[in-house]
Every structure is written in structure tokens, then in C-alpha cells.
């Protein structure tokens, strides 16, 4: 079954790896390092969720958000930012975003749970009519063994012990 896409607009590669680590069991995780990347992405209508960072070099957040609103019409928008005033960002952009989180998240492993809940399991399963039985649907649900609380440090340590080739993603 083909995974649905999550677009991560993040200029820091380590943060993208962290998101990919937490989400790639459930979604195809696509990296947008720049405004040009998100403009050139094909199949924009297949992106279920867009994770945005507030600070992107070379482009204002307002311009990026405008572009997402106009061109990624099927996406939910989640801002995850290290900006000091996340409450101010939520007040300013809250009507245009589905959620605002502050970095670092308390538990990165819960991000996949949240996104599945946000878009609905039937959307993550692509076409629920192609799921023949409850057992197949259960395969898509979040693995309980991953629900233990992982800190950002735990994930970084694990990533140091793996070889990731970002060019293949």
C-alpha cells in the first residue's frame, strides 16, 4: 500500500531526520529545504500534512504559508517552531494552521499519533475500500511498542548508530 505524504519544510537537516525517524513508518516523508523545493514538488495534492518551521532562510513565513494555502489544498498545516513567542504565532496564524507546537516537543514519537488523528486513519490508509479486513487496517495503526516516551537525546543517540542516506529519501 502506498504511503501518503507528509511535507516537512525545515532548513535544518538534523530536524528533518528527526521527523523522518518518527513518521516514516506511517507516511512518505518529503523534505522541503527551501521555498524552491516546495514550489517544485510534484503531486502537491497528495500531501496530507505539511509541517512548517517558522524561520526559513530567504523567504518570509507569510509567503510560504500563502503558497501552501494556494497550492497544497488537501493538506493540514502544523507549525512546529523554536520561535520564542509560539503563543504569539498561534494567535497570529491560528486560523490558518491546524496546530502550533513549540520545539522541542515533549515526545517526538507522539507526532505520528497526532498526525494520524489529525487526518484520519482512513486517509492514511489511502483508500479504505482497498483495505479488505480489520487485520489489514490494524497494520496501519500506530505500533504500541513505539509509544514509550523517547527524548530528543534518545533519538539523536539512535540516529548516530544508524546510517541514513538522505539522497534516497
C-alpha atoms as a PDB file:
ATOM      1  CA  UNK A   1       0.000   0.000   0.000  1.00  0.00           C
ATOM      2  CA  UNK A   2       1.420   3.382  -0.999  1.00  0.00           C
ATOM      3  CA  UNK A   3       2.054   5.749   1.910  1.00  0.00           C
ATOM      4  CA  UNK A   4       0.535   9.212   1.954  1.00  0.00           C
ATOM      5  CA  UNK A   5       2.905  12.171   2.019  1.00  0.00           C
ATOM      6  CA  UNK A   6       3.939  14.493   4.807  1.00  0.00           C
ATOM      7  CA  UNK A   7       5.902  17.528   3.650  1.00  0.00           C
ATOM      8  CA  UNK A   8       8.412  18.797   6.197  1.00  0.00           C
ATOM      9  CA  UNK A   9       9.517  22.363   5.470  1.00  0.00           C
ATOM     10  CA  UNK A  10      12.686  22.558   7.520  1.00  0.00           C
ATOM     11  CA  UNK A  11      16.082  24.003   6.654  1.00  0.00           C
ATOM     12  CA  UNK A  12      17.982  22.095   9.371  1.00  0.00           C
ATOM     13  CA  UNK A  13      18.772  18.577   8.147  1.00  0.00           C
ATOM     14  CA  UNK A  14      19.022  17.127  11.653  1.00  0.00           C
ATOM     15  CA  UNK A  15      15.464  18.234  12.431  1.00  0.00           C
ATOM     16  CA  UNK A  16      14.248  16.681   9.187  1.00  0.00           C
ATOM     17  CA  UNK A  17      15.962  13.394  10.132  1.00  0.00           C
ATOM     18  CA  UNK A  18      14.217  13.512  13.498  1.00  0.00           C
ATOM     19  CA  UNK A  19      10.808  13.976  11.847  1.00  0.00           C
ATOM     20  CA  UNK A  20      11.570  11.274   9.292  1.00  0.00           C
ATOM     21  CA  UNK A  21      12.579   8.877  12.057  1.00  0.00           C
ATOM     22  CA  UNK A  22       9.282   9.436  13.870  1.00  0.00           C
ATOM     23  CA  UNK A  23       6.981   9.423  10.842  1.00  0.00           C
ATOM     24  CA  UNK A  24       8.339   7.186   8.094  1.00  0.00           C
ATOM     25  CA  UNK A  25       6.621   4.027   9.330  1.00  0.00           C
ATOM     26  CA  UNK A  26       3.296   5.673   8.528  1.00  0.00           C
ATOM     27  CA  UNK A  27       3.945   8.326   5.894  1.00  0.00           C
ATOM     28  CA  UNK A  28       6.236   9.093   2.993  1.00  0.00           C
ATOM     29  CA  UNK A  29       8.236  11.981   4.468  1.00  0.00           C
ATOM     30  CA  UNK A  30       9.275  14.616   1.914  1.00  0.00           C
ATOM     31  CA  UNK A  31      11.832  17.319   2.685  1.00  0.00           C
ATOM     32  CA  UNK A  32      11.377  20.923   1.614  1.00  0.00           C
ATOM     33  CA  UNK A  33      14.620  22.729   2.482  1.00  0.00           C
ATOM     34  CA  UNK A  34      13.688  25.907   0.660  1.00  0.00           C
ATOM     35  CA  UNK A  35      10.824  27.772  -0.938  1.00  0.00           C
ATOM     36  CA  UNK A  36      12.017  26.490  -4.330  1.00  0.00           C
ATOM     37  CA  UNK A  37      11.733  22.881  -3.098  1.00  0.00           C
ATOM     38  CA  UNK A  38       8.091  23.311  -2.139  1.00  0.00           C
ATOM     39  CA  UNK A  39       7.326  25.050  -5.423  1.00  0.00           C
ATOM     40  CA  UNK A  40       8.913  22.229  -7.432  1.00  0.00           C
ATOM     41  CA  UNK A  41       7.328  19.316  -5.564  1.00  0.00           C
ATOM     42  CA  UNK A  42       5.116  17.257  -7.820  1.00  0.00           C
ATOM     43  CA  UNK A  43       1.812  15.788  -6.653  1.00  0.00           C
ATOM     44  CA  UNK A  44       1.053  18.620  -4.244  1.00  0.00           C
ATOM     45  CA  UNK A  45      -2.492  17.292  -3.905  1.00  0.00           C
ATOM     46  CA  UNK A  46      -1.121  14.075  -2.314  1.00  0.00           C
ATOM     47  CA  UNK A  47       0.406  15.896   0.674  1.00  0.00           C
ATOM     48  CA  UNK A  48      -1.848  15.177   3.668  1.00  0.00           C
ATOM     49  CA  UNK A  49       0.123  17.205   6.192  1.00  0.00           C
ATOM     50  CA  UNK A  50       2.652  19.997   5.910  1.00  0.00           C
ATOM     51  CA  UNK A  51       4.933  20.558   8.893  1.00  0.00           C
ATOM     52  CA  UNK A  52       6.246  24.103   8.792  1.00  0.00           C
ATOM     53  CA  UNK A  53       9.136  25.779  10.569  1.00  0.00           C
ATOM     54  CA  UNK A  54       8.719  29.485  11.253  1.00  0.00           C
ATOM     55  CA  UNK A  55      12.231  30.556  10.254  1.00  0.00           C
ATOM     56  CA  UNK A  56      13.251  29.642   6.721  1.00  0.00           C
ATOM     57  CA  UNK A  57      16.213  31.423   5.158  1.00  0.00           C
ATOM     58  CA  UNK A  58      15.425  33.510   2.119  1.00  0.00           C
ATOM     59  CA  UNK A  59      11.639  33.605   2.432  1.00  0.00           C
ATOM     60  CA  UNK A  60       9.137  35.000   4.894  1.00  0.00           C
ATOM     61  CA  UNK A  61       6.800  32.655   6.742  1.00  0.00           C
ATOM     62  CA  UNK A  62       3.825  34.628   5.411  1.00  0.00           C
ATOM     63  CA  UNK A  63       4.881  33.978   1.793  1.00  0.00           C
ATOM     64  CA  UNK A  64       5.436  30.272   2.470  1.00  0.00           C
ATOM     65  CA  UNK A  65       2.082  29.947   4.216  1.00  0.00           C
ATOM     66  CA  UNK A  66       0.330  31.812   1.383  1.00  0.00           C
ATOM     67  CA  UNK A  67       1.905  29.444  -1.149  1.00  0.00           C
ATOM     68  CA  UNK A  68       0.883  26.372   0.873  1.00  0.00           C
ATOM     69  CA  UNK A  69      -2.686  27.699   1.200  1.00  0.00           C
ATOM     70  CA  UNK A  70      -2.944  28.275  -2.556  1.00  0.00           C
ATOM     71  CA  UNK A  71      -1.164  25.180  -3.869  1.00  0.00           C
ATOM     72  CA  UNK A  72      -1.448  22.409  -1.277  1.00  0.00           C
ATOM     73  CA  UNK A  73      -5.203  22.438  -0.972  1.00  0.00           C
ATOM     74  CA  UNK A  74      -5.584  18.972   0.588  1.00  0.00           C
ATOM     75  CA  UNK A  75      -3.034  19.491   3.356  1.00  0.00           C
ATOM     76  CA  UNK A  76      -3.359  20.083   7.062  1.00  0.00           C
ATOM     77  CA  UNK A  77      -0.825  22.617   8.324  1.00  0.00           C
ATOM     78  CA  UNK A  78       1.162  22.101  11.518  1.00  0.00           C
ATOM     79  CA  UNK A  79       3.686  24.680  12.711  1.00  0.00           C
ATOM     80  CA  UNK A  80       6.492  23.283  14.870  1.00  0.00           C
ATOM     81  CA  UNK A  81       8.757  26.149  15.780  1.00  0.00           C
ATOM     82  CA  UNK A  82      11.537  27.039  18.152  1.00  0.00           C
ATOM     83  CA  UNK A  83      10.408  30.664  17.965  1.00  0.00           C
ATOM     84  CA  UNK A  84      10.373  32.150  21.446  1.00  0.00           C
ATOM     85  CA  UNK A  85       6.830  33.501  21.124  1.00  0.00           C
ATOM     86  CA  UNK A  86       4.866  30.439  19.995  1.00  0.00           C
ATOM     87  CA  UNK A  87       1.720  31.793  21.680  1.00  0.00           C
ATOM     88  CA  UNK A  88       2.047  34.940  19.558  1.00  0.00           C
ATOM     89  CA  UNK A  89       2.439  32.793  16.444  1.00  0.00           C
ATOM     90  CA  UNK A  90      -0.639  30.789  17.390  1.00  0.00           C
ATOM     91  CA  UNK A  91      -2.638  33.997  17.854  1.00  0.00           C
ATOM     92  CA  UNK A  92      -1.383  35.470  14.575  1.00  0.00           C
ATOM     93  CA  UNK A  93      -1.705  32.372  12.351  1.00  0.00           C
ATOM     94  CA  UNK A  94      -4.071  30.130  14.320  1.00  0.00           C
ATOM     95  CA  UNK A  95      -6.944  30.498  11.893  1.00  0.00           C
ATOM     96  CA  UNK A  96      -4.681  29.308   9.051  1.00  0.00           C
ATOM     97  CA  UNK A  97      -2.968  26.448  10.911  1.00  0.00           C
ATOM     98  CA  UNK A  98      -4.361  23.208  12.277  1.00  0.00           C
ATOM     99  CA  UNK A  99      -1.891  23.124  15.171  1.00  0.00           C
ATOM    100  CA  UNK A 100       1.070  25.017  16.631  1.00  0.00           C
ATOM    101  CA  UNK A 101       3.759  23.203  18.644  1.00  0.00           C
ATOM    102  CA  UNK A 102       6.940  24.509  20.245  1.00  0.00           C
ATOM    103  CA  UNK A 103      10.347  22.898  19.763  1.00  0.00           C
ATOM    104  CA  UNK A 104      11.488  20.748  21.286  1.00  0.00           C
ATOM    105  CA  UNK A 105       8.414  18.559  21.514  1.00  0.00           C
ATOM    106  CA  UNK A 106       8.000  16.692  24.782  1.00  0.00           C
ATOM    107  CA  UNK A 107       7.704  13.354  22.994  1.00  0.00           C
ATOM    108  CA  UNK A 108       8.527  13.183  19.313  1.00  0.00           C
ATOM    109  CA  UNK A 109       7.098   9.666  18.992  1.00  0.00           C
ATOM    110  CA  UNK A 110       3.605  11.059  19.609  1.00  0.00           C
ATOM    111  CA  UNK A 111       3.858  13.177  16.457  1.00  0.00           C
ATOM    112  CA  UNK A 112       2.812  10.273  14.218  1.00  0.00           C
ATOM    113  CA  UNK A 113      -0.152   9.542  16.505  1.00  0.00           C
ATOM    114  CA  UNK A 114      -1.222  13.161  16.308  1.00  0.00           C
ATOM    115  CA  UNK A 115      -0.930  13.347  12.511  1.00  0.00           C
ATOM    116  CA  UNK A 116      -2.872  10.111  12.018  1.00  0.00           C
ATOM    117  CA  UNK A 117      -5.593  11.510  14.295  1.00  0.00           C
ATOM    118  CA  UNK A 118      -5.500  14.884  12.509  1.00  0.00           C
ATOM    119  CA  UNK A 119      -6.039  13.495   9.013  1.00  0.00           C
ATOM    120  CA  UNK A 120      -7.999  10.367   9.965  1.00  0.00           C
ATOM    121  CA  UNK A 121      -6.864   6.774   9.711  1.00  0.00           C
ATOM    122  CA  UNK A 122      -8.872   6.194   6.542  1.00  0.00           C
ATOM    123  CA  UNK A 123      -6.804   8.866   4.772  1.00  0.00           C
ATOM    124  CA  UNK A 124      -3.521   7.361   5.970  1.00  0.00           C
ATOM    125  CA  UNK A 125      -4.768   4.012   4.655  1.00  0.00           C
ATOM    126  CA  UNK A 126      -5.097   5.780   1.267  1.00  0.00           C
ATOM    127  CA  UNK A 127      -8.269   4.172   0.005  1.00  0.00           C
ATOM    128  CA  UNK A 128     -10.200   2.443   2.782  1.00  0.00           C
ATOM    129  CA  UNK A 129     -12.105   0.404   0.176  1.00  0.00           C
ATOM    130  CA  UNK A 130      -8.818  -1.326  -0.681  1.00  0.00           C
ATOM    131  CA  UNK A 131      -8.497  -2.490   2.929  1.00  0.00           C
ATOM    132  CA  UNK A 132     -10.170  -5.893   2.924  1.00  0.00           C
ATOM    133  CA  UNK A 133     -10.411  -6.599   6.622  1.00  0.00           C
ATOM    134  CA  UNK A 134      -9.750  -5.301  10.106  1.00  0.00           C
ATOM    135  CA  UNK A 135      -6.395  -7.089  10.253  1.00  0.00           C
ATOM    136  CA  UNK A 136      -5.104  -5.057   7.298  1.00  0.00           C
ATOM    137  CA  UNK A 137      -6.416  -1.848   8.853  1.00  0.00           C
ATOM    138  CA  UNK A 138      -4.675  -2.732  12.136  1.00  0.00           C
ATOM    139  CA  UNK A 139      -1.331  -2.924  10.288  1.00  0.00           C
ATOM    140  CA  UNK A 140      -1.642   0.774   9.542  1.00  0.00           C
ATOM    141  CA  UNK A 141      -2.304   1.788  13.141  1.00  0.00           C
ATOM    142  CA  UNK A 142       0.486   3.018  15.349  1.00  0.00           C
ATOM    143  CA  UNK A 143       2.682   0.293  16.819  1.00  0.00           C
ATOM    144  CA  UNK A 144       2.239   0.329  20.619  1.00  0.00           C
ATOM    145  CA  UNK A 145       5.872  -0.602  21.130  1.00  0.00           C
ATOM    146  CA  UNK A 146       6.900   2.815  19.770  1.00  0.00           C
ATOM    147  CA  UNK A 147       4.701   4.663  22.248  1.00  0.00           C
ATOM    148  CA  UNK A 148       7.302   4.639  25.015  1.00  0.00           C
ATOM    149  CA  UNK A 149       8.479   8.146  25.745  1.00  0.00           C
ATOM    150  CA  UNK A 150      11.618   8.940  23.791  1.00  0.00           C
ATOM    151  CA  UNK A 151      13.535  12.094  24.405  1.00  0.00           C
ATOM    152  CA  UNK A 152      15.233  14.035  21.665  1.00  0.00           C
ATOM    153  CA  UNK A 153      18.543  12.815  23.139  1.00  0.00           C
ATOM    154  CA  UNK A 154      17.447   9.144  22.828  1.00  0.00           C
ATOM    155  CA  UNK A 155      16.577   9.691  19.192  1.00  0.00           C
ATOM    156  CA  UNK A 156      19.844  11.509  18.469  1.00  0.00           C
ATOM    157  CA  UNK A 157      21.792   8.651  20.066  1.00  0.00           C
ATOM    158  CA  UNK A 158      19.901   6.146  17.944  1.00  0.00           C
ATOM    159  CA  UNK A 159      20.484   8.186  14.806  1.00  0.00           C
ATOM    160  CA  UNK A 160      24.211   8.289  15.498  1.00  0.00           C
ATOM    161  CA  UNK A 161      24.204   4.488  15.380  1.00  0.00           C
ATOM    162  CA  UNK A 162      22.419   4.323  12.022  1.00  0.00           C
ATOM    163  CA  UNK A 163      23.465   5.211   8.532  1.00  0.00           C
ATOM    164  CA  UNK A 164      20.959   7.461   6.800  1.00  0.00           C
ATOM    165  CA  UNK A 165      21.259   8.312   3.170  1.00  0.00           C
ATOM    166  CA  UNK A 166      19.095  11.407   2.712  1.00  0.00           C
ATOM    167  CA  UNK A 167      19.644  11.368  -1.029  1.00  0.00           C
ATOM    168  CA  UNK A 168      17.454   8.263  -1.278  1.00  0.00           C
ATOM    169  CA  UNK A 169      14.555   9.907   0.545  1.00  0.00           C
END
